[in-house]
Every structure is written in C-alpha cells, then in structure tokens.
Amino acid sequence: MTRHQALPVGILLVAVVMALLAWALQLMQAAIDQQEFSLMLAGCLVCSAAVGLATVMVMTLNGLLV
C-alpha cells in the first residue's frame, strides 16, 4: 500500500474510531440516567475497542509509510 492509498484508509478508520467513542459516550450517559452498571461496562468495553483500533491503525499506517 502506498502513501496515496493509505490516506483514505486512515480517514475511514479515524471516522470509525470517532463513531465508536460517540457510541461509548451514549452508553455511559444512558448508564448514568438509568443507574445501570451493565451499560457503563458496555461503554467501557466499546471505548477500549476504539482505543485498540486506534493503536493498531497507528502501528499499521506507520509501518506502511516507512
């Protein structure tokens, strides 16, 4: 994959990470409103998935662009 091809993939993955973080925040807000621990746990799991995806994205794109 060249630099030219990596840019759209990077932009798409950033959008996915932002969507996951927005979903996690919605879950955590619902958890606070409804006082549900399971929703808070789900929000934390979605947030950790977003962080993991961002980490893999940075590692992969840095390796491709070197």
PDB file of N, CA and C in Angstrom:
ATOM      1  N   MET A   1       0.853  -1.177   0.000  1.00  0.00           N
ATOM      2  CA  MET A   1       0.000   0.000   0.000  1.00  0.00           C
ATOM      3  C   MET A   1       0.896   1.237   0.000  1.00  0.00           C
ATOM      4  N   THR A   2       0.617   2.152  -0.872  1.00  0.00           N
ATOM      5  CA  THR A   2       1.415   3.371  -0.969  1.00  0.00           C
ATOM      6  C   THR A   2       0.817   4.460  -0.092  1.00  0.00           C
ATOM      7  N   ARG A   3       1.525   5.578  -0.016  1.00  0.00           N
ATOM      8  CA  ARG A   3       1.020   6.713   0.754  1.00  0.00           C
ATOM      9  C   ARG A   3      -0.322   7.189   0.216  1.00  0.00           C
ATOM     10  N   HIS A   4      -0.444   7.164  -1.099  1.00  0.00           N
ATOM     11  CA  HIS A   4      -1.679   7.623  -1.734  1.00  0.00           C
ATOM     12  C   HIS A   4      -2.856   6.737  -1.347  1.00  0.00           C
ATOM     13  N   GLN A   5      -2.631   5.453  -1.196  1.00  0.00           N
ATOM     14  CA  GLN A   5      -3.707   4.529  -0.832  1.00  0.00           C
ATOM     15  C   GLN A   5      -3.976   4.530   0.669  1.00  0.00           C
ATOM     16  N   ALA A   6      -2.985   4.868   1.475  1.00  0.00           N
ATOM     17  CA  ALA A   6      -3.136   4.809   2.927  1.00  0.00           C
ATOM     18  C   ALA A   6      -4.003   5.944   3.465  1.00  0.00           C
ATOM     19  N   LEU A   7      -4.053   7.075   2.776  1.00  0.00           N
ATOM     20  CA  LEU A   7      -4.811   8.222   3.267  1.00  0.00           C
ATOM     21  C   LEU A   7      -6.309   7.937   3.405  1.00  0.00           C
ATOM     22  N   PRO A   8      -6.989   7.388   2.387  1.00  0.00           N
ATOM     23  CA  PRO A   8      -8.422   7.104   2.568  1.00  0.00           C
ATOM     24  C   PRO A   8      -8.688   6.058   3.659  1.00  0.00           C
ATOM     25  N   VAL A   9      -7.802   5.084   3.761  1.00  0.00           N
ATOM     26  CA  VAL A   9      -7.962   4.062   4.807  1.00  0.00           C
ATOM     27  C   VAL A   9      -7.819   4.699   6.184  1.00  0.00           C
ATOM     28  N   GLY A  10      -6.824   5.581   6.331  1.00  0.00           N
ATOM     29  CA  GLY A  10      -6.633   6.267   7.603  1.00  0.00           C
ATOM     30  C   GLY A  10      -7.815   7.134   7.971  1.00  0.00           C
ATOM     31  N   ILE A  11      -8.344   7.860   7.004  1.00  0.00           N
ATOM     32  CA  ILE A  11      -9.503   8.722   7.263  1.00  0.00           C
ATOM     33  C   ILE A  11     -10.720   7.888   7.647  1.00  0.00           C
ATOM     34  N   LEU A  12     -10.913   6.782   6.967  1.00  0.00           N
ATOM     35  CA  LEU A  12     -12.034   5.893   7.296  1.00  0.00           C
ATOM     36  C   LEU A  12     -11.902   5.329   8.704  1.00  0.00           C
ATOM     37  N   LEU A  13     -10.705   4.903   9.070  1.00  0.00           N
ATOM     38  CA  LEU A  13     -10.509   4.338  10.400  1.00  0.00           C
ATOM     39  C   LEU A  13     -10.660   5.391  11.496  1.00  0.00           C
ATOM     40  N   VAL A  14     -10.246   6.609  11.229  1.00  0.00           N
ATOM     41  CA  VAL A  14     -10.454   7.685  12.202  1.00  0.00           C
ATOM     42  C   VAL A  14     -11.950   7.924  12.397  1.00  0.00           C
ATOM     43  N   ALA A  15     -12.715   7.887  11.319  1.00  0.00           N
ATOM     44  CA  ALA A  15     -14.167   8.058  11.421  1.00  0.00           C
ATOM     45  C   ALA A  15     -14.795   6.921  12.228  1.00  0.00           C
ATOM     46  N   VAL A  16     -14.313   5.709  12.020  1.00  0.00           N
ATOM     47  CA  VAL A  16     -14.833   4.559  12.778  1.00  0.00           C
ATOM     48  C   VAL A  16     -14.511   4.707  14.261  1.00  0.00           C
ATOM     49  N   VAL A  17     -13.294   5.122  14.586  1.00  0.00           N
ATOM     50  CA  VAL A  17     -12.911   5.315  15.986  1.00  0.00           C
ATOM     51  C   VAL A  17     -13.766   6.399  16.624  1.00  0.00           C
ATOM     52  N   MET A  18     -14.001   7.496  15.907  1.00  0.00           N
ATOM     53  CA  MET A  18     -14.843   8.561  16.450  1.00  0.00           C
ATOM     54  C   MET A  18     -16.275   8.092  16.665  1.00  0.00           C
ATOM     55  N   ALA A  19     -16.793   7.280  15.749  1.00  0.00           N
ATOM     56  CA  ALA A  19     -18.148   6.741  15.912  1.00  0.00           C
ATOM     57  C   ALA A  19     -18.217   5.811  17.126  1.00  0.00           C
ATOM     58  N   LEU A  20     -17.197   4.995  17.316  1.00  0.00           N
ATOM     59  CA  LEU A  20     -17.169   4.105  18.487  1.00  0.00           C
ATOM     60  C   LEU A  20     -17.114   4.906  19.789  1.00  0.00           C
ATOM     61  N   LEU A  21     -16.322   5.967  19.810  1.00  0.00           N
ATOM     62  CA  LEU A  21     -16.250   6.793  21.017  1.00  0.00           C
ATOM     63  C   LEU A  21     -17.569   7.507  21.288  1.00  0.00           C
ATOM     64  N   ALA A  22     -18.245   7.966  20.240  1.00  0.00           N
ATOM     65  CA  ALA A  22     -19.556   8.603  20.423  1.00  0.00           C
ATOM     66  C   ALA A  22     -20.568   7.594  20.972  1.00  0.00           C
ATOM     67  N   TRP A  23     -20.518   6.374  20.461  1.00  0.00           N
ATOM     68  CA  TRP A  23     -21.423   5.333  20.952  1.00  0.00           C
ATOM     69  C   TRP A  23     -21.125   5.008  22.408  1.00  0.00           C
ATOM     70  N   ALA A  24     -19.840   4.938  22.761  1.00  0.00           N
ATOM     71  CA  ALA A  24     -19.462   4.658  24.146  1.00  0.00           C
ATOM     72  C   ALA A  24     -19.976   5.746  25.074  1.00  0.00           C
ATOM     73  N   LEU A  25     -19.871   7.005  24.650  1.00  0.00           N
ATOM     74  CA  LEU A  25     -20.373   8.098  25.481  1.00  0.00           C
ATOM     75  C   LEU A  25     -21.890   8.032  25.643  1.00  0.00           C
ATOM     76  N   GLN A  26     -22.597   7.651  24.580  1.00  0.00           N
ATOM     77  CA  GLN A  26     -24.053   7.495  24.687  1.00  0.00           C
ATOM     78  C   GLN A  26     -24.411   6.379  25.663  1.00  0.00           C
ATOM     79  N   LEU A  27     -23.676   5.278  25.596  1.00  0.00           N
ATOM     80  CA  LEU A  27     -23.927   4.175  26.526  1.00  0.00           C
ATOM     81  C   LEU A  27     -23.670   4.595  27.966  1.00  0.00           C
ATOM     82  N   MET A  28     -22.592   5.341  28.182  1.00  0.00           N
ATOM     83  CA  MET A  28     -22.275   5.768  29.543  1.00  0.00           C
ATOM     84  C   MET A  28     -23.285   6.788  30.059  1.00  0.00           C
ATOM     85  N   GLN A  29     -23.774   7.651  29.186  1.00  0.00           N
ATOM     86  CA  GLN A  29     -24.806   8.599  29.598  1.00  0.00           C
ATOM     87  C   GLN A  29     -26.095   7.863  29.963  1.00  0.00           C
ATOM     88  N   ALA A  30     -26.459   6.864  29.170  1.00  0.00           N
ATOM     89  CA  ALA A  30     -27.640   6.057  29.490  1.00  0.00           C
ATOM     90  C   ALA A  30     -27.444   5.308  30.809  1.00  0.00           C
ATOM     91  N   ALA A  31     -26.219   4.873  31.067  1.00  0.00           N
ATOM     92  CA  ALA A  31     -25.930   4.177  32.318  1.00  0.00           C
ATOM     93  C   ALA A  31     -26.123   5.109  33.513  1.00  0.00           C
ATOM     94  N   ILE A  32     -25.702   6.347  33.366  1.00  0.00           N
ATOM     95  CA  ILE A  32     -25.876   7.307  34.462  1.00  0.00           C
ATOM     96  C   ILE A  32     -27.355   7.618  34.658  1.00  0.00           C
ATOM     97  N   ASP A  33     -28.078   7.819  33.561  1.00  0.00           N
ATOM     98  CA  ASP A  33     -29.506   8.147  33.644  1.00  0.00           C
ATOM     99  C   ASP A  33     -30.315   7.014  34.270  1.00  0.00           C
ATOM    100  N   GLN A  34     -30.018   5.776  33.870  1.00  0.00           N
ATOM    101  CA  GLN A  34     -30.787   4.624  34.327  1.00  0.00           C
ATOM    102  C   GLN A  34     -30.154   3.917  35.524  1.00  0.00           C
ATOM    103  N   GLN A  35     -28.981   4.383  35.940  1.00  0.00           N
ATOM    104  CA  GLN A  35     -28.213   3.767  37.024  1.00  0.00           C
ATOM    105  C   GLN A  35     -28.038   2.269  36.790  1.00  0.00           C
ATOM    106  N   GLU A  36     -27.525   1.949  35.599  1.00  0.00           N
ATOM    107  CA  GLU A  36     -27.273   0.566  35.197  1.00  0.00           C
ATOM    108  C   GLU A  36     -25.784   0.337  35.062  1.00  0.00           C
ATOM    109  N   PHE A  37     -25.261  -0.585  35.838  1.00  0.00           N
ATOM    110  CA  PHE A  37     -23.836  -0.882  35.772  1.00  0.00           C
ATOM    111  C   PHE A  37     -23.475  -1.567  34.456  1.00  0.00           C
ATOM    112  N   SER A  38     -24.379  -2.380  33.928  1.00  0.00           N
ATOM    113  CA  SER A  38     -24.073  -3.129  32.707  1.00  0.00           C
ATOM    114  C   SER A  38     -23.874  -2.197  31.510  1.00  0.00           C
ATOM    115  N   LEU A  39     -24.631  -1.104  31.451  1.00  0.00           N
ATOM    116  CA  LEU A  39     -24.441  -0.137  30.369  1.00  0.00           C
ATOM    117  C   LEU A  39     -23.104   0.585  30.510  1.00  0.00           C
ATOM    118  N   MET A  40     -22.700   0.866  31.734  1.00  0.00           N
ATOM    119  CA  MET A  40     -21.400   1.503  31.943  1.00  0.00           C
ATOM    120  C   MET A  40     -20.277   0.559  31.528  1.00  0.00           C
ATOM    121  N   LEU A  41     -20.424  -0.709  31.854  1.00  0.00           N
ATOM    122  CA  LEU A  41     -19.434  -1.702  31.450  1.00  0.00           C
ATOM    123  C   LEU A  41     -19.386  -1.822  29.929  1.00  0.00           C
ATOM    124  N   ALA A  42     -20.542  -1.813  29.290  1.00  0.00           N
ATOM    125  CA  ALA A  42     -20.585  -1.871  27.826  1.00  0.00           C
ATOM    126  C   ALA A  42     -19.912  -0.648  27.220  1.00  0.00           C
ATOM    127  N   GLY A  43     -20.131   0.526  27.786  1.00  0.00           N
ATOM    128  CA  GLY A  43     -19.481   1.740  27.311  1.00  0.00           C
ATOM    129  C   GLY A  43     -17.971   1.663  27.450  1.00  0.00           C
ATOM    130  N   CYS A  44     -17.507   1.122  28.563  1.00  0.00           N
ATOM    131  CA  CYS A  44     -16.056   0.965  28.760  1.00  0.00           C
ATOM    132  C   CYS A  44     -15.471  -0.030  27.767  1.00  0.00           C
ATOM    133  N   LEU A  45     -16.191  -1.091  27.472  1.00  0.00           N
ATOM    134  CA  LEU A  45     -15.706  -2.074  26.512  1.00  0.00           C
ATOM    135  C   LEU A  45     -15.646  -1.493  25.100  1.00  0.00           C
ATOM    136  N   VAL A  46     -16.653  -0.722  24.722  1.00  0.00           N
ATOM    137  CA  VAL A  46     -16.651  -0.083  23.400  1.00  0.00           C
ATOM    138  C   VAL A  46     -15.511   0.926  23.317  1.00  0.00           C
ATOM    139  N   CYS A  47     -15.286   1.670  24.394  1.00  0.00           N
ATOM    140  CA  CYS A  47     -14.200   2.646  24.415  1.00  0.00           C
ATOM    141  C   CYS A  47     -12.847   1.953  24.297  1.00  0.00           C
ATOM    142  N   SER A  48     -12.666   0.846  24.984  1.00  0.00           N
ATOM    143  CA  SER A  48     -11.394   0.124  24.885  1.00  0.00           C
ATOM    144  C   SER A  48     -11.208  -0.473  23.490  1.00  0.00           C
ATOM    145  N   ALA A  49     -12.289  -0.863  22.841  1.00  0.00           N
ATOM    146  CA  ALA A  49     -12.187  -1.349  21.464  1.00  0.00           C
ATOM    147  C   ALA A  49     -11.754  -0.224  20.535  1.00  0.00           C
ATOM    148  N   ALA A  50     -12.265   0.975  20.764  1.00  0.00           N
ATOM    149  CA  ALA A  50     -11.868   2.126  19.941  1.00  0.00           C
ATOM    150  C   ALA A  50     -10.392   2.447  20.140  1.00  0.00           C
ATOM    151  N   VAL A  51      -9.933   2.388  21.374  1.00  0.00           N
ATOM    152  CA  VAL A  51      -8.518   2.651  21.654  1.00  0.00           C
ATOM    153  C   VAL A  51      -7.643   1.582  21.007  1.00  0.00           C
ATOM    154  N   GLY A  52      -8.067   0.331  21.083  1.00  0.00           N
ATOM    155  CA  GLY A  52      -7.313  -0.745  20.442  1.00  0.00           C
ATOM    156  C   GLY A  52      -7.255  -0.579  18.935  1.00  0.00           C
ATOM    157  N   LEU A  53      -8.368  -0.210  18.340  1.00  0.00           N
ATOM    158  CA  LEU A  53      -8.395   0.011  16.895  1.00  0.00           C
ATOM    159  C   LEU A  53      -7.496   1.169  16.505  1.00  0.00           C
ATOM    160  N   ALA A  54      -7.511   2.235  17.294  1.00  0.00           N
ATOM    161  CA  ALA A  54      -6.646   3.386  17.009  1.00  0.00           C
ATOM    162  C   ALA A  54      -5.181   3.003  17.134  1.00  0.00           C
ATOM    163  N   THR A  55      -4.841   2.191  18.113  1.00  0.00           N
ATOM    164  CA  THR A  55      -3.460   1.754  18.291  1.00  0.00           C
ATOM    165  C   THR A  55      -2.993   0.918  17.115  1.00  0.00           C
ATOM    166  N   VAL A  56      -3.809  -0.029  16.706  1.00  0.00           N
ATOM    167  CA  VAL A  56      -3.456  -0.866  15.562  1.00  0.00           C
ATOM    168  C   VAL A  56      -3.364  -0.028  14.292  1.00  0.00           C
ATOM    169  N   MET A  57      -4.257   0.943  14.147  1.00  0.00           N
ATOM    170  CA  MET A  57      -4.227   1.810  12.972  1.00  0.00           C
ATOM    171  C   MET A  57      -2.918   2.590  12.910  1.00  0.00           C
ATOM    172  N   VAL A  58      -2.504   3.180  14.022  1.00  0.00           N
ATOM    173  CA  VAL A  58      -1.267   3.953  14.041  1.00  0.00           C
ATOM    174  C   VAL A  58      -0.070   3.055  13.752  1.00  0.00           C
ATOM    175  N   MET A  59      -0.028   1.891  14.366  1.00  0.00           N
ATOM    176  CA  MET A  59       1.089   0.981  14.136  1.00  0.00           C
ATOM    177  C   MET A  59       1.146   0.514  12.703  1.00  0.00           C
ATOM    178  N   THR A  60       0.009   0.197  12.133  1.00  0.00           N
ATOM    179  CA  THR A  60      -0.035  -0.303  10.756  1.00  0.00           C
ATOM    180  C   THR A  60       0.323   0.780   9.760  1.00  0.00           C
ATOM    181  N   LEU A  61      -0.296   1.956   9.889  1.00  0.00           N
ATOM    182  CA  LEU A  61      -0.023   3.020   8.933  1.00  0.00           C
ATOM    183  C   LEU A  61       1.408   3.534   9.046  1.00  0.00           C
ATOM    184  N   ASN A  62       1.969   3.554  10.251  1.00  0.00           N
ATOM    185  CA  ASN A  62       3.366   3.948  10.399  1.00  0.00           C
ATOM    186  C   ASN A  62       4.287   2.926   9.726  1.00  0.00           C
ATOM    187  N   GLY A  63       3.942   1.672   9.846  1.00  0.00           N
ATOM    188  CA  GLY A  63       4.755   0.640   9.197  1.00  0.00           C
ATOM    189  C   GLY A  63       4.644   0.687   7.696  1.00  0.00           C
ATOM    190  N   LEU A  64       3.474   1.046   7.179  1.00  0.00           N
ATOM    191  CA  LEU A  64       3.295   1.111   5.733  1.00  0.00           C
ATOM    192  C   LEU A  64       3.963   2.320   5.119  1.00  0.00           C
ATOM    193  N   LEU A  65       4.052   3.394   5.881  1.00  0.00           N
ATOM    194  CA  LEU A  65       4.560   4.638   5.316  1.00  0.00           C
ATOM    195  C   LEU A  65       6.062   4.796   5.486  1.00  0.00           C
ATOM    196  N   VAL A  66       6.702   3.868   6.180  1.00  0.00           N
ATOM    197  CA  VAL A  66       8.162   3.964   6.366  1.00  0.00           C
ATOM    198  C   VAL A  66       8.888   3.480   5.153  1.00  0.00           C
TER     199      VAL A  66
END
